Amino acid sequence: MPVTRSLFRPLALAVPVTLAAAAFAPLARSAAPAAAPDRTAPEPARAAGLDVEVKCVDDSTLKLKLLEDKLELVTKYGFLQVTVADVRRIEFAHRCPPEVAERIALAISKLAHADFQTREQATAELKNHRERAYPFLLKALKHEDPEVSRRADEALRFIQAKVPAPLLEARDCDVVYTDDSKFTGKLTAQSFRVLTGVFGEQALKVADLRSLRTGAGIAADEFAGAVAAPATMATYQQQFGKEYVFNVTGYVPGNGQQATVWGTDVYTLDSNLAAAAVHAGLAKPGETVAVRVRVVQSPIQYTASFRNGVNSNAYGTFASGGYEFVKR
């Protein structure tokens, strides 16, 4: 009997140990840290975009990347989709956002206000709205109140002097140009997706745009058709708001030529164009560049200054007008 107990005691102990090891084996495996699955999604490739230059209704110019693939145009023949890569230029129709139209109408209603300062502020606001206010002011010209009519005329004259005449003509349709075609209609998009260098991806409202150009030929296209510059702009009297593109060679002081300039930034029509271009910093002496010149109404006083080696003179008002350089 003692021998039997000695034989079976180790066996009895061996069974529980074996079962315990088998029971804890799955727990040990589950406790071991498992390799975490890679849940990092591949970053979507950013659209390269198309380099464009847009002209806004406030005269500012922006260089962006257009992220749209296609533009949809409603024409009299139906819907048309134009691939953005094929677009060379877009001239946008006049669009006045409802909130802007409401502010313009409110300002016009204040032109007959009993308070003088209120009338002055309303007139200034209408001038700031520029071509967007233009059609509203044309109607206000016929207002029965002579004060409203007078102030509308004042604002109209200001806008005509600041805005090129073609931009004051009502444009009901957008015009999209490609290398071999021209499409007229109305773009359905209210805004374009664009990529900016500073603010990243943004939405650009179509109502804020005058024109859009694409491609590496932007600079060349801007001054296409430039002609040799006249000595002065004296033959362009009273052509307020009109713009002209000239190739001008900067005046070289001391070459024996007469080159008198009157004014600063705005010059009298009989100011030497080559010398004024140097004075304005658009051309160096002897350098030939393309410049855009706008005829404007005369300021009350032309101011004298010395810039870039050219001395300009002071002068009083010049009834036939003046000119300024339209800078990019």
Protein backbone atom coordinates (compact mmCIF):
# COMPACT_ATOMS: atom_id res chain seq x y z
CA MET A 1 0.00 0.00 0.00
CA PRO A 2 2.73 2.53 0.75
CA VAL A 3 4.33 1.61 -2.51
CA THR A 4 1.07 2.25 -4.38
CA ARG A 5 0.61 5.69 -2.87
CA SER A 6 4.14 6.62 -3.79
CA LEU A 7 3.55 5.54 -7.38
CA PHE A 8 0.25 7.44 -7.93
CA ARG A 9 0.93 10.72 -6.08
CA PRO A 10 3.17 12.20 -8.80
CA LEU A 11 0.66 11.15 -11.46
CA ALA A 12 -2.19 12.93 -9.69
CA LEU A 13 -0.17 16.10 -9.48
CA ALA A 14 0.84 15.95 -13.13
CA VAL A 15 -2.71 16.05 -14.49
CA PRO A 16 -3.80 19.39 -12.95
CA VAL A 17 -0.57 21.06 -14.03
CA THR A 18 -1.04 19.90 -17.62
CA LEU A 19 -4.69 21.05 -17.71
CA ALA A 20 -3.82 24.43 -16.18
CA ALA A 21 -1.16 25.03 -18.78
CA ALA A 22 -3.60 24.13 -21.53
CA ALA A 23 -6.27 26.44 -20.08
CA PHE A 24 -3.99 29.49 -19.83
CA ALA A 25 -2.33 29.05 -23.20
CA PRO A 26 -5.08 30.89 -25.14
CA LEU A 27 -5.02 33.74 -22.57
CA ALA A 28 -1.31 34.10 -22.90
CA ARG A 29 -1.63 34.30 -26.68
CA SER A 30 -4.40 36.93 -26.44
CA ALA A 31 -2.38 39.02 -23.97
CA ALA A 32 0.55 39.28 -26.38
CA PRO A 33 0.46 42.62 -28.24
CA ALA A 34 -0.69 42.19 -31.84
CA ALA A 35 0.73 44.26 -34.67
CA ALA A 36 -1.63 47.20 -35.28
CA PRO A 37 -3.09 47.29 -38.81
CA ASP A 38 -1.96 50.20 -40.99
CA ARG A 39 -5.05 52.38 -41.15
CA THR A 40 -3.31 55.36 -42.76
CA ALA A 41 -5.21 56.05 -45.97
CA PRO A 42 -3.11 57.10 -48.91
CA GLU A 43 -3.22 60.87 -49.27
CA PRO A 44 -5.17 61.84 -52.36
CA ALA A 45 -3.09 63.41 -55.07
CA ARG A 46 -3.59 67.14 -55.16
CA ALA A 47 -4.88 68.49 -58.42
CA ALA A 48 -2.18 70.37 -60.27
CA GLY A 49 -4.61 72.95 -61.56
CA LEU A 50 -4.31 75.31 -64.51
CA ASP A 51 -2.40 78.57 -64.13
CA VAL A 52 -4.79 81.48 -64.69
CA GLU A 53 -4.84 85.23 -64.25
CA VAL A 54 -8.17 86.76 -63.31
CA LYS A 55 -9.21 90.40 -63.45
CA CYS A 56 -11.74 91.31 -60.76
CA VAL A 57 -14.43 93.97 -60.88
CA ASP A 58 -12.46 96.08 -58.36
CA ASP A 59 -9.53 96.27 -60.83
CA SER A 60 -7.38 93.85 -58.84
CA THR A 61 -5.54 91.04 -60.62
CA LEU A 62 -5.02 87.57 -59.13
CA LYS A 63 -2.78 84.74 -60.27
CA LEU A 64 -4.22 81.37 -59.25
CA LYS A 65 -4.58 77.75 -60.19
CA LEU A 66 -8.01 76.80 -61.51
CA LEU A 67 -9.01 73.38 -60.14
CA GLU A 68 -12.12 72.81 -62.24
CA ASP A 69 -11.99 70.16 -64.97
CA LYS A 70 -14.90 71.39 -67.08
CA LEU A 71 -17.05 74.48 -67.39
CA GLU A 72 -20.75 74.22 -68.22
CA LEU A 73 -22.20 76.89 -70.47
CA VAL A 74 -25.88 77.41 -71.27
CA THR A 75 -26.19 78.50 -74.91
CA LYS A 76 -29.20 79.02 -77.15
CA TYR A 77 -28.44 75.57 -78.56
CA GLY A 78 -28.44 73.86 -75.15
CA PHE A 79 -25.85 72.91 -72.56
CA LEU A 80 -22.20 72.82 -73.55
CA GLN A 81 -19.25 71.52 -71.54
CA VAL A 82 -15.84 73.00 -72.25
CA THR A 83 -12.68 71.32 -70.97
CA VAL A 84 -10.79 73.83 -68.83
CA ALA A 85 -7.47 72.82 -70.36
CA ASP A 86 -8.76 74.10 -73.73
CA VAL A 87 -9.81 77.52 -72.41
CA ARG A 88 -7.64 80.49 -73.35
CA ARG A 89 -9.80 83.39 -72.21
CA ILE A 90 -13.18 84.15 -70.65
CA GLU A 91 -14.96 87.50 -70.73
CA PHE A 92 -17.59 87.43 -67.99
CA ALA A 93 -21.08 88.88 -68.24
CA HIS A 94 -22.12 91.60 -65.81
CA ARG A 95 -23.35 90.06 -62.58
CA CYS A 96 -24.56 92.07 -59.63
CA PRO A 97 -25.04 90.03 -56.45
CA PRO A 98 -28.45 90.65 -54.85
CA GLU A 99 -26.91 92.05 -51.68
CA VAL A 100 -24.85 94.55 -53.72
CA ALA A 101 -27.86 95.59 -55.80
CA GLU A 102 -29.76 96.18 -52.56
CA ARG A 103 -26.98 98.41 -51.20
CA ILE A 104 -26.86 100.39 -54.47
CA ALA A 105 -30.64 100.92 -54.43
CA LEU A 106 -30.46 102.04 -50.80
CA ALA A 107 -27.66 104.51 -51.59
CA ILE A 108 -29.66 105.99 -54.49
CA SER A 109 -32.66 106.44 -52.20
CA LYS A 110 -30.44 108.50 -49.87
CA LEU A 111 -29.41 110.96 -52.59
CA ALA A 112 -32.46 113.06 -51.70
CA HIS A 113 -32.00 112.76 -47.91
CA ALA A 114 -32.57 115.91 -45.88
CA ASP A 115 -29.13 115.58 -44.26
CA PHE A 116 -26.26 116.85 -46.42
CA GLN A 117 -23.66 114.43 -45.00
CA THR A 118 -25.97 111.49 -45.70
CA ARG A 119 -26.26 112.59 -49.34
CA GLU A 120 -22.47 112.96 -49.58
CA GLN A 121 -21.85 109.49 -48.14
CA ALA A 122 -24.40 107.93 -50.49
CA THR A 123 -22.74 109.59 -53.50
CA ALA A 124 -19.32 108.34 -52.42
CA GLU A 125 -20.66 104.81 -51.94
CA LEU A 126 -22.15 104.79 -55.44
CA LYS A 127 -18.82 105.89 -56.89
CA ASN A 128 -17.12 103.01 -55.10
CA HIS A 129 -19.51 100.51 -56.68
CA ARG A 130 -18.23 101.68 -60.10
CA GLU A 131 -19.66 99.75 -63.06
CA ARG A 132 -22.04 97.76 -60.88
CA ALA A 133 -23.82 100.99 -59.99
CA TYR A 134 -23.69 102.32 -63.56
CA PRO A 135 -27.03 100.93 -64.89
CA PHE A 136 -28.81 102.02 -61.69
CA LEU A 137 -27.38 105.53 -62.00
CA LEU A 138 -28.49 105.80 -65.63
CA LYS A 139 -32.06 105.31 -64.44
CA ALA A 140 -31.56 107.74 -61.56
CA LEU A 141 -30.60 110.45 -64.06
CA LYS A 142 -34.30 110.73 -64.96
CA HIS A 143 -35.43 111.03 -61.35
CA GLU A 144 -38.01 113.73 -60.69
CA ASP A 145 -35.95 115.10 -57.79
CA PRO A 146 -33.26 117.40 -59.26
CA GLU A 147 -30.85 116.65 -56.40
CA VAL A 148 -31.00 112.91 -57.13
CA SER A 149 -30.49 113.57 -60.83
CA ARG A 150 -27.56 115.90 -60.19
CA ARG A 151 -25.78 113.51 -57.85
CA ALA A 152 -26.41 110.57 -60.18
CA ASP A 153 -24.78 112.57 -62.96
CA GLU A 154 -21.81 113.36 -60.72
CA ALA A 155 -21.33 109.67 -59.89
CA LEU A 156 -21.72 108.67 -63.55
CA ARG A 157 -19.03 111.12 -64.66
CA PHE A 158 -16.69 109.82 -61.97
CA ILE A 159 -17.24 106.19 -63.03
CA GLN A 160 -16.82 107.04 -66.71
CA ALA A 161 -13.44 108.59 -65.93
CA LYS A 162 -12.25 105.58 -63.92
CA VAL A 163 -13.70 102.62 -65.80
CA PRO A 164 -12.87 101.82 -69.45
CA ALA A 165 -15.82 102.43 -71.74
CA PRO A 166 -16.10 98.78 -72.92
CA LEU A 167 -16.67 97.68 -69.32
CA LEU A 168 -19.64 100.03 -69.01
CA GLU A 169 -21.46 98.37 -71.89
CA ALA A 170 -23.98 95.83 -70.66
CA ARG A 171 -22.80 92.28 -71.27
CA ASP A 172 -25.54 89.71 -70.85
CA CYS A 173 -23.46 86.69 -71.87
CA ASP A 174 -20.17 85.08 -70.93
CA VAL A 175 -17.78 84.51 -73.81
CA VAL A 176 -15.38 81.55 -73.64
CA TYR A 177 -12.45 81.45 -76.07
CA THR A 178 -10.41 78.40 -77.03
CA ASP A 179 -7.65 78.13 -79.64
CA ASP A 180 -10.09 77.60 -82.47
CA SER A 181 -13.56 78.47 -81.11
CA LYS A 182 -15.64 81.10 -79.36
CA PHE A 183 -18.66 80.12 -77.26
CA THR A 184 -21.31 82.58 -76.06
CA GLY A 185 -23.75 81.77 -73.27
CA LYS A 186 -24.08 81.86 -69.49
CA LEU A 187 -21.84 79.87 -67.17
CA THR A 188 -23.85 77.79 -64.72
CA ALA A 189 -21.20 77.90 -61.99
CA GLN A 190 -21.64 80.45 -59.23
CA SER A 191 -18.01 80.03 -58.16
CA PHE A 192 -14.78 78.33 -59.23
CA ARG A 193 -12.51 76.13 -57.13
CA VAL A 194 -9.07 77.73 -57.13
CA LEU A 195 -5.77 77.14 -55.37
CA THR A 196 -3.93 80.11 -53.91
CA GLY A 197 -0.35 80.20 -52.74
CA VAL A 198 -1.21 81.76 -49.38
CA PHE A 199 -4.75 80.68 -48.46
CA GLY A 200 -4.87 77.23 -50.05
CA GLU A 201 -8.04 76.08 -51.82
CA GLN A 202 -10.76 78.71 -52.05
CA ALA A 203 -14.03 79.40 -53.86
CA LEU A 204 -13.86 82.35 -56.25
CA LYS A 205 -17.22 83.99 -56.98
CA VAL A 206 -17.94 84.38 -60.69
CA ALA A 207 -19.86 87.61 -59.93
CA ASP A 208 -16.56 89.20 -58.82
CA LEU A 209 -14.76 88.53 -62.11
CA ARG A 210 -14.32 90.56 -65.29
CA SER A 211 -12.02 88.28 -67.24
CA LEU A 212 -9.87 85.18 -67.00
CA ARG A 213 -6.86 84.17 -69.05
CA THR A 214 -4.88 80.95 -69.04
CA GLY A 215 -1.54 79.64 -70.17
CA ALA A 216 1.99 80.91 -70.51
CA GLY A 217 0.94 83.48 -73.07
CA ILE A 218 -0.87 85.66 -70.52
CA ALA A 219 1.64 88.49 -70.61
CA ALA A 220 2.01 88.38 -74.37
CA ASP A 221 -1.75 88.34 -74.89
CA GLU A 222 -2.27 91.39 -72.71
CA PHE A 223 -0.29 93.63 -75.03
CA ALA A 224 -1.10 91.93 -78.32
CA GLY A 225 -1.68 94.48 -81.04
CA ALA A 226 0.40 97.23 -79.39
CA VAL A 227 1.31 100.03 -81.82
CA ALA A 228 4.08 102.61 -81.77
CA ALA A 229 3.43 105.29 -79.17
CA PRO A 230 2.64 108.85 -80.20
CA ALA A 231 4.76 111.67 -78.76
CA THR A 232 1.82 112.83 -76.63
CA MET A 233 -1.84 111.97 -76.12
CA ALA A 234 -3.02 115.37 -77.37
CA THR A 235 -5.12 113.84 -80.17
CA TYR A 236 -7.12 111.75 -77.67
CA GLN A 237 -9.05 114.65 -76.12
CA GLN A 238 -12.38 113.96 -74.40
CA GLN A 239 -12.07 110.18 -74.91
CA PHE A 240 -12.62 109.54 -71.22
CA GLY A 241 -12.39 105.93 -70.07
CA LYS A 242 -10.86 104.61 -73.28
CA GLU A 243 -7.64 102.59 -73.12
CA TYR A 244 -4.85 102.23 -75.66
CA VAL A 245 -1.84 99.94 -75.83
CA PHE A 246 1.44 101.37 -77.13
CA ASN A 247 5.05 100.30 -77.55
CA VAL A 248 7.03 103.13 -76.01
CA THR A 249 10.78 103.66 -75.68
CA GLY A 250 11.75 105.33 -72.42
CA TYR A 251 12.98 108.89 -72.73
CA VAL A 252 16.75 109.35 -72.42
CA PRO A 253 17.56 112.65 -70.68
CA GLY A 254 20.10 114.87 -72.38
CA ASN A 255 19.56 113.58 -75.91
CA GLY A 256 18.51 116.99 -77.19
CA GLN A 257 14.79 116.14 -77.39
CA GLN A 258 12.06 118.16 -75.73
CA ALA A 259 10.21 116.01 -73.19
CA THR A 260 8.07 118.08 -70.88
CA VAL A 261 5.81 116.34 -68.37
CA TRP A 262 3.02 117.86 -66.26
CA GLY A 263 1.54 115.92 -63.35
CA THR A 264 2.20 112.87 -61.19
CA ASP A 265 0.42 109.54 -61.82
CA VAL A 266 -2.11 111.50 -63.90
CA TYR A 267 -0.51 113.53 -66.69
CA THR A 268 -1.82 116.22 -69.03
CA LEU A 269 -2.63 114.98 -72.52
CA ASP A 270 0.22 117.03 -73.99
CA SER A 271 2.82 115.49 -71.63
CA ASN A 272 5.56 113.56 -73.42
CA LEU A 273 4.54 109.88 -73.27
CA ALA A 274 8.07 108.46 -73.32
CA ALA A 275 9.18 110.71 -70.45
CA ALA A 276 5.98 110.06 -68.48
CA ALA A 277 6.57 106.29 -68.78
CA VAL A 278 10.03 106.71 -67.24
CA HIS A 279 8.63 109.06 -64.58
CA ALA A 280 5.95 106.47 -63.69
CA GLY A 281 8.58 103.71 -63.42
CA LEU A 282 7.23 101.64 -66.32
CA ALA A 283 10.25 102.02 -68.58
CA LYS A 284 13.95 102.69 -68.15
CA PRO A 285 15.66 105.23 -70.40
CA GLY A 286 16.14 103.64 -73.83
CA GLU A 287 14.05 100.56 -72.92
CA THR A 288 11.11 99.65 -75.17
CA VAL A 289 8.07 98.31 -73.32
CA ALA A 290 4.36 97.88 -73.94
CA VAL A 291 2.14 100.14 -71.83
CA ARG A 292 -1.59 100.53 -71.42
CA VAL A 293 -2.79 104.13 -71.26
CA ARG A 294 -6.23 105.30 -70.09
CA VAL A 295 -7.70 108.71 -70.87
CA VAL A 296 -9.27 110.27 -67.76
CA GLN A 297 -10.88 113.51 -66.73
CA SER A 298 -8.53 116.20 -65.51
CA PRO A 299 -7.91 116.56 -61.78
CA ILE A 300 -8.31 119.97 -60.22
CA GLN A 301 -4.53 120.29 -59.98
CA TYR A 302 -1.65 118.39 -61.61
CA THR A 303 1.14 118.02 -59.05
CA ALA A 304 4.88 118.26 -59.68
CA SER A 305 7.42 115.62 -58.60
CA PHE A 306 10.85 114.21 -59.39
CA ARG A 307 10.91 110.49 -60.13
CA ASN A 308 13.35 108.15 -61.86
CA GLY A 309 15.45 111.02 -63.18
CA VAL A 310 12.49 112.87 -64.73
CA ASN A 311 11.15 116.14 -63.34
CA SER A 312 7.42 116.80 -63.82
CA ASN A 313 5.75 120.20 -63.55
CA ALA A 314 2.61 121.42 -61.82
CA TYR A 315 -0.39 122.62 -63.75
CA GLY A 316 -3.99 123.61 -63.14
CA THR A 317 -6.99 121.75 -64.53
CA PHE A 318 -6.70 120.67 -68.19
CA ALA A 319 -10.18 120.72 -69.70
CA SER A 320 -9.55 118.22 -72.49
CA GLY A 321 -8.50 115.55 -70.01
CA GLY A 322 -5.43 113.68 -68.87
CA TYR A 323 -4.04 110.17 -69.00
CA GLU A 324 -2.76 107.56 -66.61
CA PHE A 325 -0.92 104.26 -67.02
CA VAL A 326 -2.90 101.13 -66.22
CA LYS A 327 -0.52 99.00 -64.24
CA ARG A 328 -0.72 95.22 -64.08
